[in-house]
Amino acid sequence: MTSVIEVGVSCHTGQRANGAVADPRAGQNEPLLGHSTARGAFLPNNGGKASRWRCDPRLMTQAPAPSKVVVAVSRLEAPMKRAAVVAYALASSLFVLGVLAQVFLAGLVVVSRVASWESHIGLGHGLGLALLVMLLCAYLGRMPARTKRLTWLLFAVYFIQADVLIFLRQSVPYVAALHPVLALIDFVLGWHLARQGLKLLQQPGKEGVAAVSTAVGQ
């Protein structure tokens, strides 16, 4: 008994060509000439005993043209990401300038003795706001994972310096003396992250609207 196997291929009346269709029973490939995409029916020759297959044009049905499913990123997302990257670059740059200002204010107190620690303390707490903005914008801007990790590292170093070591002056003075040393780490990390933010701003078109077209056969 001759069986009909329906497959979707490109074929033309069973002529030989470069394409290949697998014969599931014989385990061999038979090339067929293709000129148009169709959903055809293949009948085995010689009562199903031979490995050669032919395309029966009587059982062929023209397959409909594939439709296009377009998946577009929301047009609001690109400006939001761009704004987040801009805010990150600005906050990181302000943080670096703030660290330099902290050193200058500390010099006015320790060396020149013309100022009090109040300005130094106030600016130090203000730098924490810049770090919070950086953390938020790192995720809103979908920044690289390495940038996110370094931002968290900078936040941890800042927290230990400003809110932990400074309160150990009486109990563990030698550990508290690491306060200005961690300021150097703050500066180096902040400088690096500020440069990363500026580089991301210079990358063309990566925050633009993306469209992905996928062909779906019917």
N, C-alpha and C. Protein backbone atom coordinates (compact mmCIF):
# COMPACT_ATOMS: atom_id res chain seq x y z
N MET A 1 0.85 -1.20 0.00
CA MET A 1 0.00 0.00 0.00
C MET A 1 0.88 1.24 0.00
N THR A 2 0.54 2.15 -0.85
CA THR A 2 1.34 3.37 -0.96
C THR A 2 0.88 4.38 0.06
N SER A 3 1.81 4.88 0.86
CA SER A 3 1.48 5.88 1.89
C SER A 3 1.91 7.25 1.44
N VAL A 4 1.23 8.26 1.96
CA VAL A 4 1.53 9.65 1.61
C VAL A 4 2.15 10.33 2.81
N ILE A 5 3.27 10.95 2.63
CA ILE A 5 3.96 11.68 3.69
C ILE A 5 4.00 13.14 3.29
N GLU A 6 3.37 14.01 4.07
CA GLU A 6 3.32 15.43 3.76
C GLU A 6 4.48 16.16 4.42
N VAL A 7 5.19 16.89 3.65
CA VAL A 7 6.31 17.69 4.15
C VAL A 7 6.29 19.02 3.46
N GLY A 8 6.92 20.04 4.07
CA GLY A 8 7.03 21.35 3.43
C GLY A 8 8.41 21.55 2.88
N VAL A 9 8.58 21.55 1.57
CA VAL A 9 9.90 21.67 0.95
C VAL A 9 9.74 22.48 -0.32
N SER A 10 10.87 22.70 -0.96
CA SER A 10 10.88 23.28 -2.31
C SER A 10 11.10 22.16 -3.30
N CYS A 11 10.18 21.94 -4.21
CA CYS A 11 10.34 20.81 -5.12
C CYS A 11 9.76 21.16 -6.49
N HIS A 12 10.10 20.33 -7.47
CA HIS A 12 9.59 20.53 -8.83
C HIS A 12 9.54 19.17 -9.52
N THR A 13 8.43 18.50 -9.43
CA THR A 13 8.13 17.25 -10.12
C THR A 13 9.22 16.21 -10.01
N GLY A 14 9.88 16.15 -8.87
CA GLY A 14 10.79 15.06 -8.60
C GLY A 14 12.09 15.09 -9.35
N GLN A 15 12.48 16.17 -9.96
CA GLN A 15 13.75 16.24 -10.67
C GLN A 15 14.89 16.38 -9.68
N ARG A 16 16.04 15.93 -10.07
CA ARG A 16 17.22 15.97 -9.22
C ARG A 16 17.79 17.39 -9.15
N ALA A 17 18.32 17.77 -8.01
CA ALA A 17 18.99 19.06 -7.86
C ALA A 17 19.92 18.97 -6.67
N ASN A 18 20.31 20.14 -6.10
CA ASN A 18 21.29 20.18 -5.02
C ASN A 18 20.68 19.93 -3.64
N GLY A 19 19.38 20.22 -3.46
CA GLY A 19 18.75 20.03 -2.17
C GLY A 19 18.61 18.55 -1.87
N ALA A 20 18.35 18.17 -0.62
CA ALA A 20 18.23 16.77 -0.24
C ALA A 20 17.06 16.60 0.70
N VAL A 21 16.28 15.53 0.48
CA VAL A 21 15.17 15.18 1.35
C VAL A 21 15.42 13.79 1.89
N ALA A 22 15.32 13.62 3.19
CA ALA A 22 15.67 12.34 3.81
C ALA A 22 14.57 11.32 3.62
N ASP A 23 14.97 10.11 3.24
CA ASP A 23 14.05 8.99 3.18
C ASP A 23 14.09 8.29 4.53
N PRO A 24 13.04 8.38 5.37
CA PRO A 24 13.13 7.82 6.72
C PRO A 24 13.27 6.32 6.75
N ARG A 25 12.83 5.63 5.69
CA ARG A 25 12.92 4.16 5.68
C ARG A 25 14.25 3.68 5.12
N ALA A 26 14.71 4.33 4.07
CA ALA A 26 15.95 3.87 3.45
C ALA A 26 17.16 4.49 4.08
N GLY A 27 17.00 5.61 4.84
CA GLY A 27 18.13 6.27 5.47
C GLY A 27 19.01 6.99 4.50
N GLN A 28 18.50 7.34 3.30
CA GLN A 28 19.29 8.00 2.29
C GLN A 28 18.68 9.34 1.95
N ASN A 29 19.45 10.19 1.33
CA ASN A 29 18.99 11.51 0.92
C ASN A 29 18.81 11.56 -0.58
N GLU A 30 17.69 12.11 -1.01
CA GLU A 30 17.45 12.27 -2.43
C GLU A 30 17.35 13.75 -2.76
N PRO A 31 18.19 14.27 -3.64
CA PRO A 31 18.11 15.68 -4.02
C PRO A 31 16.91 15.95 -4.90
N LEU A 32 16.27 17.06 -4.67
CA LEU A 32 15.13 17.49 -5.46
C LEU A 32 15.35 18.90 -5.96
N LEU A 33 14.87 19.16 -7.18
CA LEU A 33 15.01 20.49 -7.75
C LEU A 33 14.00 21.42 -7.11
N GLY A 34 14.43 22.56 -6.56
CA GLY A 34 13.51 23.47 -5.91
C GLY A 34 13.48 24.82 -6.59
N HIS A 35 12.27 25.32 -6.80
CA HIS A 35 12.17 26.65 -7.36
C HIS A 35 11.14 27.48 -6.62
N SER A 36 10.27 26.89 -5.80
CA SER A 36 9.31 27.65 -5.02
C SER A 36 8.96 26.88 -3.76
N THR A 37 8.71 27.59 -2.69
CA THR A 37 8.37 26.94 -1.43
C THR A 37 6.96 26.40 -1.50
N ALA A 38 6.76 25.16 -1.23
CA ALA A 38 5.44 24.56 -1.30
C ALA A 38 5.32 23.49 -0.23
N ARG A 39 4.08 23.16 0.11
CA ARG A 39 3.82 22.05 1.01
C ARG A 39 3.32 20.90 0.15
N GLY A 40 4.19 19.93 -0.12
CA GLY A 40 3.88 18.89 -1.08
C GLY A 40 3.68 17.54 -0.41
N ALA A 41 3.40 16.56 -1.21
CA ALA A 41 3.25 15.19 -0.73
C ALA A 41 4.20 14.32 -1.53
N PHE A 42 4.95 13.45 -0.86
CA PHE A 42 5.94 12.62 -1.51
C PHE A 42 5.49 11.17 -1.48
N LEU A 43 5.55 10.54 -2.65
CA LEU A 43 5.16 9.15 -2.76
C LEU A 43 6.38 8.31 -3.08
N PRO A 44 6.56 7.19 -2.39
CA PRO A 44 7.72 6.33 -2.71
C PRO A 44 7.51 5.62 -4.03
N ASN A 45 8.56 5.53 -4.82
CA ASN A 45 8.52 4.79 -6.07
C ASN A 45 8.63 3.29 -5.81
N ASN A 46 8.24 2.52 -6.79
CA ASN A 46 8.41 1.07 -6.75
C ASN A 46 7.76 0.44 -5.53
N GLY A 47 6.59 0.91 -5.19
CA GLY A 47 5.87 0.28 -4.10
C GLY A 47 6.48 0.52 -2.75
N GLY A 48 7.26 1.56 -2.61
CA GLY A 48 7.83 1.87 -1.31
C GLY A 48 9.10 1.10 -1.01
N LYS A 49 9.61 0.29 -1.96
CA LYS A 49 10.79 -0.52 -1.70
C LYS A 49 12.08 0.22 -2.06
N ALA A 50 11.99 1.11 -3.02
CA ALA A 50 13.20 1.82 -3.45
C ALA A 50 13.44 3.02 -2.55
N SER A 51 14.66 3.49 -2.58
CA SER A 51 15.02 4.64 -1.76
C SER A 51 14.73 5.96 -2.44
N ARG A 52 14.38 5.92 -3.72
CA ARG A 52 14.13 7.16 -4.44
C ARG A 52 12.72 7.66 -4.17
N TRP A 53 12.62 8.97 -4.06
CA TRP A 53 11.33 9.60 -3.78
C TRP A 53 11.00 10.55 -4.93
N ARG A 54 9.71 10.68 -5.20
CA ARG A 54 9.30 11.62 -6.23
C ARG A 54 8.27 12.58 -5.64
N CYS A 55 8.23 13.76 -6.20
CA CYS A 55 7.27 14.76 -5.75
C CYS A 55 6.03 14.65 -6.62
N ASP A 56 4.89 14.35 -6.01
CA ASP A 56 3.64 14.22 -6.75
C ASP A 56 3.00 15.59 -6.87
N PRO A 57 3.00 16.20 -8.07
CA PRO A 57 2.43 17.55 -8.21
C PRO A 57 0.94 17.59 -7.98
N ARG A 58 0.25 16.45 -8.09
CA ARG A 58 -1.20 16.45 -7.87
C ARG A 58 -1.56 16.70 -6.41
N LEU A 59 -0.65 16.33 -5.52
CA LEU A 59 -0.93 16.47 -4.10
C LEU A 59 -0.27 17.68 -3.48
N MET A 60 0.34 18.49 -4.33
CA MET A 60 1.05 19.67 -3.83
C MET A 60 0.08 20.81 -3.58
N THR A 61 0.29 21.52 -2.51
CA THR A 61 -0.46 22.74 -2.21
C THR A 61 0.52 23.86 -1.93
N GLN A 62 0.28 24.97 -2.54
CA GLN A 62 1.19 26.11 -2.37
C GLN A 62 1.10 26.64 -0.95
N ALA A 63 2.23 26.71 -0.26
CA ALA A 63 2.26 27.22 1.11
C ALA A 63 2.12 28.73 1.09
N PRO A 64 1.39 29.29 2.01
CA PRO A 64 1.27 30.75 2.07
C PRO A 64 2.59 31.40 2.42
N ALA A 65 2.76 32.61 1.97
CA ALA A 65 4.01 33.33 2.25
C ALA A 65 4.16 33.55 3.74
N PRO A 66 5.38 33.41 4.28
CA PRO A 66 5.58 33.59 5.71
C PRO A 66 5.27 35.01 6.14
N SER A 67 4.66 35.09 7.28
CA SER A 67 4.34 36.40 7.82
C SER A 67 5.48 36.91 8.67
N LYS A 68 5.56 38.22 8.83
CA LYS A 68 6.61 38.85 9.62
C LYS A 68 6.05 39.30 10.95
N VAL A 69 6.66 38.82 12.02
CA VAL A 69 6.30 39.26 13.36
C VAL A 69 7.37 40.22 13.82
N VAL A 70 7.04 41.45 13.95
CA VAL A 70 8.01 42.48 14.30
C VAL A 70 7.88 42.79 15.78
N VAL A 71 8.99 42.57 16.48
CA VAL A 71 9.04 42.88 17.90
C VAL A 71 9.89 44.12 18.07
N ALA A 72 9.30 45.23 18.44
CA ALA A 72 10.02 46.50 18.57
C ALA A 72 10.10 46.91 20.03
N VAL A 73 11.25 47.38 20.40
CA VAL A 73 11.43 47.93 21.74
C VAL A 73 10.68 49.24 21.84
N SER A 74 10.05 49.49 22.95
CA SER A 74 9.27 50.72 23.13
C SER A 74 10.13 51.94 22.89
N ARG A 75 9.53 52.92 22.21
CA ARG A 75 10.29 54.13 21.89
C ARG A 75 10.59 54.96 23.12
N LEU A 76 9.90 54.69 24.20
CA LEU A 76 10.18 55.42 25.43
C LEU A 76 11.39 54.85 26.16
N GLU A 77 11.75 53.61 25.85
CA GLU A 77 12.81 52.96 26.59
C GLU A 77 14.17 53.56 26.26
N ALA A 78 14.42 53.84 24.98
CA ALA A 78 15.72 54.38 24.58
C ALA A 78 16.02 55.73 25.23
N PRO A 79 15.09 56.71 25.22
CA PRO A 79 15.39 57.96 25.92
C PRO A 79 15.60 57.79 27.42
N MET A 80 14.88 56.84 28.04
CA MET A 80 15.05 56.61 29.47
C MET A 80 16.43 56.05 29.76
N LYS A 81 16.86 55.10 28.94
CA LYS A 81 18.20 54.54 29.12
C LYS A 81 19.27 55.61 28.90
N ARG A 82 19.06 56.43 27.88
CA ARG A 82 20.02 57.50 27.59
C ARG A 82 20.10 58.47 28.76
N ALA A 83 18.95 58.84 29.31
CA ALA A 83 18.92 59.77 30.44
C ALA A 83 19.60 59.16 31.66
N ALA A 84 19.42 57.85 31.86
CA ALA A 84 20.06 57.19 32.99
C ALA A 84 21.58 57.18 32.85
N VAL A 85 22.07 56.95 31.63
CA VAL A 85 23.52 56.96 31.40
C VAL A 85 24.08 58.36 31.61
N VAL A 86 23.35 59.38 31.15
CA VAL A 86 23.78 60.77 31.36
C VAL A 86 23.85 61.08 32.85
N ALA A 87 22.81 60.68 33.59
CA ALA A 87 22.78 60.94 35.03
C ALA A 87 23.91 60.19 35.74
N TYR A 88 24.21 58.98 35.29
CA TYR A 88 25.30 58.21 35.90
C TYR A 88 26.64 58.91 35.68
N ALA A 89 26.88 59.33 34.44
CA ALA A 89 28.14 60.01 34.14
C ALA A 89 28.27 61.30 34.94
N LEU A 90 27.16 62.03 35.07
CA LEU A 90 27.20 63.28 35.82
C LEU A 90 27.43 63.02 37.31
N ALA A 91 26.72 62.04 37.88
CA ALA A 91 26.86 61.74 39.31
C ALA A 91 28.26 61.22 39.64
N SER A 92 28.80 60.37 38.79
CA SER A 92 30.15 59.85 39.04
C SER A 92 31.20 60.95 38.94
N SER A 93 31.01 61.87 38.00
CA SER A 93 31.96 62.98 37.89
C SER A 93 31.88 63.89 39.10
N LEU A 94 30.67 64.15 39.56
CA LEU A 94 30.51 64.97 40.76
C LEU A 94 31.10 64.28 41.99
N PHE A 95 31.00 62.96 42.03
CA PHE A 95 31.59 62.23 43.15
C PHE A 95 33.10 62.40 43.18
N VAL A 96 33.73 62.29 42.02
CA VAL A 96 35.19 62.45 41.96
C VAL A 96 35.58 63.87 42.40
N LEU A 97 34.86 64.86 41.90
CA LEU A 97 35.14 66.24 42.31
C LEU A 97 34.90 66.43 43.80
N GLY A 98 33.88 65.74 44.32
CA GLY A 98 33.61 65.83 45.75
C GLY A 98 34.73 65.25 46.60
N VAL A 99 35.31 64.14 46.15
CA VAL A 99 36.44 63.55 46.89
C VAL A 99 37.63 64.51 46.91
N LEU A 100 37.90 65.15 45.78
CA LEU A 100 38.98 66.14 45.75
C LEU A 100 38.67 67.30 46.68
N ALA A 101 37.42 67.73 46.70
CA ALA A 101 37.04 68.81 47.60
C ALA A 101 37.19 68.40 49.06
N GLN A 102 36.92 67.13 49.35
CA GLN A 102 37.08 66.64 50.72
C GLN A 102 38.52 66.72 51.18
N VAL A 103 39.42 66.37 50.30
CA VAL A 103 40.85 66.46 50.64
C VAL A 103 41.24 67.91 50.88
N PHE A 104 40.72 68.81 50.04
CA PHE A 104 41.03 70.23 50.21
C PHE A 104 40.48 70.76 51.54
N LEU A 105 39.25 70.37 51.87
CA LEU A 105 38.66 70.83 53.13
C LEU A 105 39.41 70.26 54.34
N ALA A 106 39.86 69.02 54.21
CA ALA A 106 40.66 68.44 55.29
C ALA A 106 41.98 69.18 55.45
N GLY A 107 42.55 69.63 54.33
CA GLY A 107 43.78 70.42 54.42
C GLY A 107 43.55 71.76 55.09
N LEU A 108 42.38 72.37 54.84
CA LEU A 108 42.08 73.64 55.50
C LEU A 108 41.99 73.48 57.02
N VAL A 109 41.54 72.30 57.45
CA VAL A 109 41.39 72.06 58.89
C VAL A 109 42.72 71.67 59.51
N VAL A 110 43.41 70.71 58.92
CA VAL A 110 44.61 70.14 59.53
C VAL A 110 45.83 71.02 59.29
N VAL A 111 46.01 71.51 58.07
CA VAL A 111 47.23 72.25 57.73
C VAL A 111 47.05 73.75 57.96
N SER A 112 46.05 74.33 57.32
CA SER A 112 45.88 75.78 57.42
C SER A 112 45.18 76.20 58.71
N ARG A 113 44.36 75.33 59.24
CA ARG A 113 43.61 75.60 60.47
C ARG A 113 42.77 76.88 60.36
N VAL A 114 42.10 77.00 59.23
CA VAL A 114 41.24 78.16 59.01
C VAL A 114 39.77 77.75 58.85
N ALA A 115 39.49 76.46 59.03
CA ALA A 115 38.11 75.97 58.88
C ALA A 115 37.86 74.88 59.90
N SER A 116 36.60 74.52 60.05
CA SER A 116 36.20 73.44 60.96
C SER A 116 35.87 72.18 60.16
N TRP A 117 35.59 71.09 60.90
CA TRP A 117 35.27 69.85 60.25
C TRP A 117 33.83 69.79 59.73
N GLU A 118 33.05 70.77 60.05
CA GLU A 118 31.63 70.72 59.67
C GLU A 118 31.45 70.66 58.15
N SER A 119 32.22 71.46 57.45
CA SER A 119 32.10 71.44 55.98
C SER A 119 32.54 70.09 55.41
N HIS A 120 33.60 69.55 55.98
CA HIS A 120 34.10 68.25 55.54
C HIS A 120 33.06 67.16 55.78
N ILE A 121 32.45 67.17 56.95
CA ILE A 121 31.45 66.16 57.30
C ILE A 121 30.20 66.31 56.43
N GLY A 122 29.75 67.55 56.25
CA GLY A 122 28.55 67.77 55.45
C GLY A 122 28.70 67.33 54.00
N LEU A 123 29.85 67.66 53.40
CA LEU A 123 30.09 67.25 52.03
C LEU A 123 30.24 65.74 51.93
N GLY A 124 30.84 65.14 52.95
CA GLY A 124 31.02 63.69 52.94
C GLY A 124 29.70 62.94 52.88
N HIS A 125 28.72 63.40 53.66
CA HIS A 125 27.40 62.77 53.61
C HIS A 125 26.70 63.06 52.28
N GLY A 126 26.96 64.21 51.71
CA GLY A 126 26.35 64.53 50.42
C GLY A 126 26.84 63.63 49.30
N LEU A 127 28.07 63.13 49.42
CA LEU A 127 28.60 62.23 48.40
C LEU A 127 27.82 60.92 48.36
N GLY A 128 27.23 60.56 49.49
CA GLY A 128 26.42 59.36 49.50
C GLY A 128 25.22 59.45 48.57
N LEU A 129 24.66 60.64 48.41
CA LEU A 129 23.54 60.82 47.48
C LEU A 129 23.98 60.57 46.04
N ALA A 130 25.17 61.03 45.71
CA ALA A 130 25.68 60.80 44.36
C ALA A 130 25.84 59.30 44.09
N LEU A 131 26.27 58.56 45.10
CA LEU A 131 26.42 57.11 44.93
C LEU A 131 25.08 56.42 44.76
N LEU A 132 24.07 56.88 45.47
CA LEU A 132 22.74 56.29 45.31
C LEU A 132 22.20 56.54 43.90
N VAL A 133 22.45 57.73 43.37
CA VAL A 133 22.04 58.03 42.00
C VAL A 133 22.78 57.11 41.02
N MET A 134 24.05 56.87 41.27
CA MET A 134 24.84 56.00 40.40
C MET A 134 24.31 54.58 40.41
N LEU A 135 23.97 54.08 41.59
CA LEU A 135 23.44 52.72 41.69
C LEU A 135 22.12 52.59 40.94
N LEU A 136 21.25 53.57 41.13
CA LEU A 136 19.95 53.52 40.46
C LEU A 136 20.09 53.59 38.95
N CYS A 137 20.91 54.52 38.49
CA CYS A 137 21.07 54.72 37.05
C CYS A 137 21.82 53.57 36.38
N ALA A 138 22.67 52.86 37.15
CA ALA A 138 23.38 51.72 36.57
C ALA A 138 22.41 50.64 36.10
N TYR A 139 21.28 50.51 36.82
CA TYR A 139 20.28 49.50 36.43
C TYR A 139 19.28 50.07 35.44
N LEU A 140 18.88 51.31 35.62
CA LEU A 140 17.94 51.91 34.67
C LEU A 140 18.57 52.03 33.29
N GLY A 141 19.87 52.31 33.26
CA GLY A 141 20.58 52.43 31.99
C GLY A 141 21.09 51.11 31.44
N ARG A 142 20.81 50.00 32.15
CA ARG A 142 21.26 48.68 31.69
C ARG A 142 22.74 48.69 31.35
N MET A 143 23.51 49.18 32.30
CA MET A 143 24.94 49.27 32.09
C MET A 143 25.59 47.90 32.25
N PRO A 144 26.82 47.73 31.79
CA PRO A 144 27.48 46.43 31.87
C PRO A 144 27.56 45.91 33.31
N ALA A 145 27.60 44.59 33.44
CA ALA A 145 27.63 43.97 34.77
C ALA A 145 28.88 44.40 35.55
N ARG A 146 29.98 44.55 34.87
CA ARG A 146 31.22 44.95 35.55
C ARG A 146 31.07 46.36 36.14
N THR A 147 30.42 47.25 35.41
CA THR A 147 30.20 48.61 35.93
C THR A 147 29.30 48.57 37.15
N LYS A 148 28.29 47.72 37.13
CA LYS A 148 27.41 47.60 38.30
C LYS A 148 28.17 47.09 39.52
N ARG A 149 29.01 46.08 39.30
CA ARG A 149 29.78 45.52 40.42
C ARG A 149 30.73 46.55 41.01
N LEU A 150 31.40 47.31 40.15
CA LEU A 150 32.32 48.33 40.65
C LEU A 150 31.57 49.45 41.36
N THR A 151 30.37 49.76 40.91
CA THR A 151 29.58 50.78 41.59
C THR A 151 29.20 50.32 42.99
N TRP A 152 28.81 49.05 43.12
CA TRP A 152 28.52 48.51 44.44
C TRP A 152 29.77 48.48 45.32
N LEU A 153 30.92 48.15 44.72
CA LEU A 153 32.18 48.15 45.47
C LEU A 153 32.49 49.55 45.98
N LEU A 154 32.31 50.54 45.13
CA LEU A 154 32.55 51.92 45.55
C LEU A 154 31.62 52.32 46.68
N PHE A 155 30.37 51.91 46.59
CA PHE A 155 29.42 52.23 47.65
C PHE A 155 29.83 51.57 48.97
N ALA A 156 30.30 50.32 48.90
CA ALA A 156 30.73 49.62 50.11
C ALA A 156 31.95 50.30 50.74
N VAL A 157 32.92 50.67 49.92
CA VAL A 157 34.12 51.35 50.44
C VAL A 157 33.74 52.68 51.08
N TYR A 158 32.87 53.42 50.41
CA TYR A 158 32.42 54.70 50.97
C TYR A 158 31.70 54.52 52.30
N PHE A 159 30.84 53.51 52.37
CA PHE A 159 30.08 53.29 53.61
C PHE A 159 31.02 52.95 54.76
N ILE A 160 32.01 52.08 54.50
CA ILE A 160 32.96 51.73 55.56
C ILE A 160 33.76 52.96 55.99
N GLN A 161 34.16 53.76 55.03
CA GLN A 161 34.97 54.94 55.34
C GLN A 161 34.19 55.98 56.13
N ALA A 162 32.98 56.30 55.65
CA ALA A 162 32.24 57.42 56.22
C ALA A 162 31.39 57.07 57.42
N ASP A 163 30.92 55.82 57.49
CA ASP A 163 29.95 55.47 58.53
C ASP A 163 30.42 54.38 59.47
N VAL A 164 31.62 53.87 59.27
CA VAL A 164 32.14 52.83 60.16
C VAL A 164 33.45 53.27 60.80
N LEU A 165 34.46 53.53 60.01
CA LEU A 165 35.77 53.85 60.54
C LEU A 165 35.77 55.13 61.36
N ILE A 166 34.97 56.10 60.95
CA ILE A 166 34.99 57.39 61.62
C ILE A 166 34.52 57.29 63.07
N PHE A 167 33.76 56.23 63.37
CA PHE A 167 33.25 56.05 64.74
C PHE A 167 34.13 55.12 65.57
N LEU A 168 35.27 54.73 65.02
CA LEU A 168 36.19 53.85 65.74
C LEU A 168 37.41 54.60 66.26
N ARG A 169 37.34 55.92 66.27
CA ARG A 169 38.51 56.70 66.68
C ARG A 169 38.89 56.46 68.13
N GLN A 170 37.92 56.24 68.98
CA GLN A 170 38.21 56.03 70.39
C GLN A 170 38.54 54.58 70.70
N SER A 171 37.79 53.66 70.12
CA SER A 171 37.98 52.24 70.45
C SER A 171 39.13 51.59 69.68
N VAL A 172 39.20 51.83 68.37
CA VAL A 172 40.26 51.22 67.55
C VAL A 172 40.89 52.32 66.71
N PRO A 173 41.75 53.14 67.28
CA PRO A 173 42.27 54.29 66.54
C PRO A 173 43.11 53.92 65.32
N TYR A 174 43.82 52.80 65.38
CA TYR A 174 44.65 52.42 64.24
C TYR A 174 43.82 51.99 63.04
N VAL A 175 42.67 51.40 63.32
CA VAL A 175 41.77 51.04 62.22
C VAL A 175 41.09 52.29 61.68
N ALA A 176 40.73 53.20 62.57
CA ALA A 176 40.09 54.44 62.13
C ALA A 176 41.02 55.29 61.27
N ALA A 177 42.34 55.08 61.44
CA ALA A 177 43.31 55.83 60.65
C ALA A 177 43.26 55.47 59.17
N LEU A 178 42.54 54.40 58.83
CA LEU A 178 42.39 54.02 57.41
C LEU A 178 41.39 54.90 56.69
N HIS A 179 40.75 55.81 57.40
CA HIS A 179 39.75 56.69 56.80
C HIS A 179 40.30 57.46 55.58
N PRO A 180 41.43 58.13 55.67
CA PRO A 180 41.94 58.83 54.47
C PRO A 180 42.49 57.87 53.42
N VAL A 181 42.91 56.66 53.84
CA VAL A 181 43.41 55.69 52.86
C VAL A 181 42.26 55.23 51.95
N LEU A 182 41.11 54.99 52.55
CA LEU A 182 39.96 54.58 51.75
C LEU A 182 39.49 55.71 50.83
N ALA A 183 39.81 56.94 51.20
CA ALA A 183 39.46 58.06 50.31
C ALA A 183 40.21 57.94 48.98
N LEU A 184 41.43 57.41 49.02
CA LEU A 184 42.18 57.19 47.77
C LEU A 184 41.49 56.14 46.90
N ILE A 185 40.97 55.09 47.56
CA ILE A 185 40.25 54.07 46.80
C ILE A 185 38.97 54.66 46.22
N ASP A 186 38.30 55.50 46.99
CA ASP A 186 37.11 56.18 46.47
C ASP A 186 37.44 56.96 45.20
N PHE A 187 38.54 57.66 45.23
CA PHE A 187 38.91 58.48 44.08
C PHE A 187 39.21 57.63 42.85
N VAL A 188 39.98 56.55 43.04
CA VAL A 188 40.37 55.71 41.91
C VAL A 188 39.14 55.03 41.30
N LEU A 189 38.29 54.46 42.13
CA LEU A 189 37.09 53.81 41.62
C LEU A 189 36.15 54.82 40.96
N GLY A 190 35.97 55.96 41.62
CA GLY A 190 35.11 56.99 41.05
C GLY A 190 35.61 57.50 39.71
N TRP A 191 36.91 57.68 39.60
CA TRP A 191 37.51 58.14 38.34
C TRP A 191 37.27 57.11 37.23
N HIS A 192 37.48 55.86 37.56
CA HIS A 192 37.27 54.81 36.56
C HIS A 192 35.81 54.74 36.11
N LEU A 193 34.88 54.81 37.05
CA LEU A 193 33.47 54.72 36.71
C LEU A 193 32.99 55.95 35.95
N ALA A 194 33.55 57.11 36.27
CA ALA A 194 33.20 58.31 35.52
C ALA A 194 33.64 58.19 34.07
N ARG A 195 34.81 57.63 33.84
CA ARG A 195 35.27 57.42 32.47
C ARG A 195 34.40 56.41 31.74
N GLN A 196 33.97 55.36 32.45
CA GLN A 196 33.09 54.38 31.83
C GLN A 196 31.76 55.01 31.42
N GLY A 197 31.24 55.87 32.29
CA GLY A 197 29.98 56.54 31.96
C GLY A 197 30.12 57.44 30.74
N LEU A 198 31.22 58.15 30.64
CA LEU A 198 31.44 59.01 29.48
C LEU A 198 31.63 58.20 28.20
N LYS A 199 32.27 57.03 28.31
CA LYS A 199 32.44 56.18 27.13
C LYS A 199 31.10 55.65 26.64
N LEU A 200 30.23 55.30 27.57
CA LEU A 200 28.91 54.81 27.17
C LEU A 200 28.11 55.89 26.46
N LEU A 201 28.31 57.14 26.84
CA LEU A 201 27.61 58.23 26.18
C LEU A 201 28.06 58.40 24.74
N GLN A 202 29.29 58.00 24.47
CA GLN A 202 29.85 58.19 23.13
C GLN A 202 29.55 57.03 22.20
N GLN A 203 28.96 55.95 22.71
CA GLN A 203 28.63 54.82 21.85
C GLN A 203 27.41 55.15 21.02
N PRO A 204 27.53 55.11 19.68
CA PRO A 204 26.41 55.52 18.82
C PRO A 204 25.36 54.44 18.66
N GLY A 205 24.11 54.85 18.85
CA GLY A 205 22.99 54.04 18.45
C GLY A 205 22.67 52.82 19.27
N LYS A 206 23.40 52.55 20.34
CA LYS A 206 23.14 51.34 21.09
C LYS A 206 21.92 51.48 21.99
N GLU A 207 21.50 52.69 22.23
CA GLU A 207 20.29 52.88 23.01
C GLU A 207 19.08 53.14 22.13
N GLY A 208 19.27 53.02 20.81
CA GLY A 208 18.16 53.30 19.90
C GLY A 208 17.11 52.21 19.95
N VAL A 209 16.04 52.43 19.16
CA VAL A 209 14.95 51.47 19.12
C VAL A 209 15.40 50.27 18.31
N ALA A 210 15.24 49.09 18.89
CA ALA A 210 15.64 47.85 18.21
C ALA A 210 14.41 47.15 17.68
N ALA A 211 14.54 46.62 16.47
CA ALA A 211 13.43 45.86 15.88
C ALA A 211 13.94 44.53 15.43
N VAL A 212 13.26 43.49 15.81
CA VAL A 212 13.65 42.14 15.44
C VAL A 212 12.54 41.54 14.61
N SER A 213 12.86 41.15 13.39
CA SER A 213 11.87 40.55 12.50
C SER A 213 12.08 39.06 12.43
N THR A 214 11.03 38.29 12.71
CA THR A 214 11.10 36.85 12.70
C THR A 214 10.08 36.30 11.71
N ALA A 215 10.57 35.48 10.80
CA ALA A 215 9.65 34.89 9.82
C ALA A 215 8.99 33.67 10.44
N VAL A 216 7.66 33.64 10.37
CA VAL A 216 6.90 32.53 10.93
C VAL A 216 6.12 31.87 9.79
N GLY A 217 6.42 30.63 9.50
CA GLY A 217 5.71 29.94 8.44
C GLY A 217 4.32 29.52 8.89
N GLN A 218 3.40 29.60 8.01
CA GLN A 218 2.02 29.26 8.33
C GLN A 218 1.81 27.76 8.14
